Amino acid sequence: MTLIAILTLPLSVLGALVCLYVTGNTVNVMTLAGLALAIGPMVDSAIICLENTHRHLSLGVEPVEASYLGASEVALPELVSTLCTFLSSHRWR
């Protein structure tokens, strides 16, 4: 589980930089600030998922099933939380 947490952050930032390159955007102060702001909620979501998986493991569930249950139980609440954050920061005209 620690390996997953360690690899999540660099792979996500690398994926974002690849998407910026593919779309022809440049890395400037604004994009770096956006990446820095996005890292916090991403780490929070990863911790929630890992803690829920650890809870299932401590209940005696097999590792593969614990990872599935741990992720699937928190997927919808994390999606709603992310959408609320996105929509509250978006200006509707």
Protein backbone atom coordinates (compact mmCIF):
# COMPACT_ATOMS: atom_id res chain seq x y z
CA MET A 1 0.00 0.00 0.00
CA THR A 2 2.90 2.34 0.67
CA LEU A 3 4.27 1.74 -2.81
CA ILE A 4 0.94 2.76 -4.32
CA ALA A 5 0.91 5.97 -2.28
CA ILE A 6 4.49 6.77 -3.27
CA LEU A 7 3.87 6.19 -6.99
CA THR A 8 0.53 8.02 -7.19
CA LEU A 9 1.87 11.56 -6.95
CA PRO A 10 4.73 11.43 -9.50
CA LEU A 11 2.66 9.46 -12.02
CA SER A 12 -0.22 11.91 -11.76
CA VAL A 13 2.03 14.93 -12.24
CA LEU A 14 3.80 13.21 -15.13
CA GLY A 15 0.42 12.42 -16.72
CA ALA A 16 -0.65 16.05 -16.35
CA LEU A 17 2.58 17.25 -17.96
CA VAL A 18 2.14 14.81 -20.85
CA CYS A 19 -1.41 16.09 -21.37
CA LEU A 20 -0.10 19.66 -21.37
CA TYR A 21 2.49 18.73 -23.99
CA VAL A 22 -0.01 16.89 -26.19
CA THR A 23 -2.44 19.82 -26.14
CA GLY A 24 0.32 22.29 -26.98
CA ASN A 25 0.25 24.14 -23.65
CA THR A 26 3.34 25.33 -21.87
CA VAL A 27 4.44 24.91 -18.28
CA ASN A 28 4.28 28.36 -16.71
CA VAL A 29 3.54 29.82 -13.30
CA MET A 30 -0.21 29.35 -13.68
CA THR A 31 0.01 25.68 -14.65
CA LEU A 32 2.52 24.97 -11.89
CA ALA A 33 0.22 26.68 -9.37
CA GLY A 34 -2.70 24.60 -10.63
CA LEU A 35 -0.68 21.40 -10.25
CA ALA A 36 0.38 22.43 -6.75
CA LEU A 37 -3.23 23.09 -5.76
CA ALA A 38 -4.40 19.78 -7.22
CA ILE A 39 -1.85 17.72 -5.30
CA GLY A 40 -3.49 18.31 -1.91
CA PRO A 41 -6.93 16.86 -2.67
CA MET A 42 -5.35 14.03 -4.65
CA VAL A 43 -3.22 12.99 -1.67
CA ASP A 44 -6.27 13.26 0.61
CA SER A 45 -8.27 10.97 -1.67
CA ALA A 46 -5.44 8.46 -1.83
CA ILE A 47 -5.15 8.39 1.96
CA ILE A 48 -8.91 7.84 2.35
CA CYS A 49 -8.81 4.94 -0.10
CA LEU A 50 -5.75 3.37 1.54
CA GLU A 51 -7.22 3.67 5.04
CA ASN A 52 -10.46 2.03 3.92
CA THR A 53 -8.51 -0.79 2.27
CA HIS A 54 -6.47 -1.22 5.45
CA ARG A 55 -9.72 -1.42 7.45
CA HIS A 56 -10.94 -4.27 5.26
CA LEU A 57 -7.60 -6.06 5.61
CA SER A 58 -7.82 -5.80 9.40
CA LEU A 59 -11.30 -7.37 9.22
CA GLY A 60 -9.73 -10.44 7.60
CA VAL A 61 -10.73 -9.89 3.99
CA GLU A 62 -8.37 -11.20 1.30
CA PRO A 63 -6.03 -8.49 -0.13
CA VAL A 64 -7.52 -8.43 -3.64
CA GLU A 65 -11.08 -8.20 -2.36
CA ALA A 66 -10.05 -5.67 0.31
CA SER A 67 -8.54 -3.39 -2.33
CA TYR A 68 -11.67 -3.66 -4.47
CA LEU A 69 -14.00 -3.00 -1.54
CA GLY A 70 -11.82 -0.24 -0.15
CA ALA A 71 -11.77 1.65 -3.42
CA SER A 72 -15.37 1.04 -4.45
CA GLU A 73 -16.85 2.15 -1.12
CA VAL A 74 -15.21 5.57 -1.23
CA ALA A 75 -15.34 6.19 -4.99
CA LEU A 76 -18.73 7.92 -5.05
CA PRO A 77 -18.13 10.13 -1.97
CA GLU A 78 -14.75 11.18 -3.37
CA LEU A 79 -16.33 11.97 -6.75
CA VAL A 80 -19.04 14.09 -5.11
CA SER A 81 -16.44 15.89 -2.99
CA THR A 82 -14.31 16.62 -6.06
CA LEU A 83 -17.30 17.86 -8.04
CA CYS A 84 -18.37 20.12 -5.17
CA THR A 85 -14.90 21.62 -5.01
CA PHE A 86 -14.80 22.09 -8.77
CA LEU A 87 -18.28 23.57 -9.03
CA SER A 88 -17.79 25.91 -6.08
CA SER A 89 -14.67 27.36 -7.68
CA HIS A 90 -16.29 27.69 -11.10
CA ARG A 91 -17.99 30.98 -11.89
CA TRP A 92 -21.40 30.56 -13.42
CA ARG A 93 -22.49 33.36 -15.74
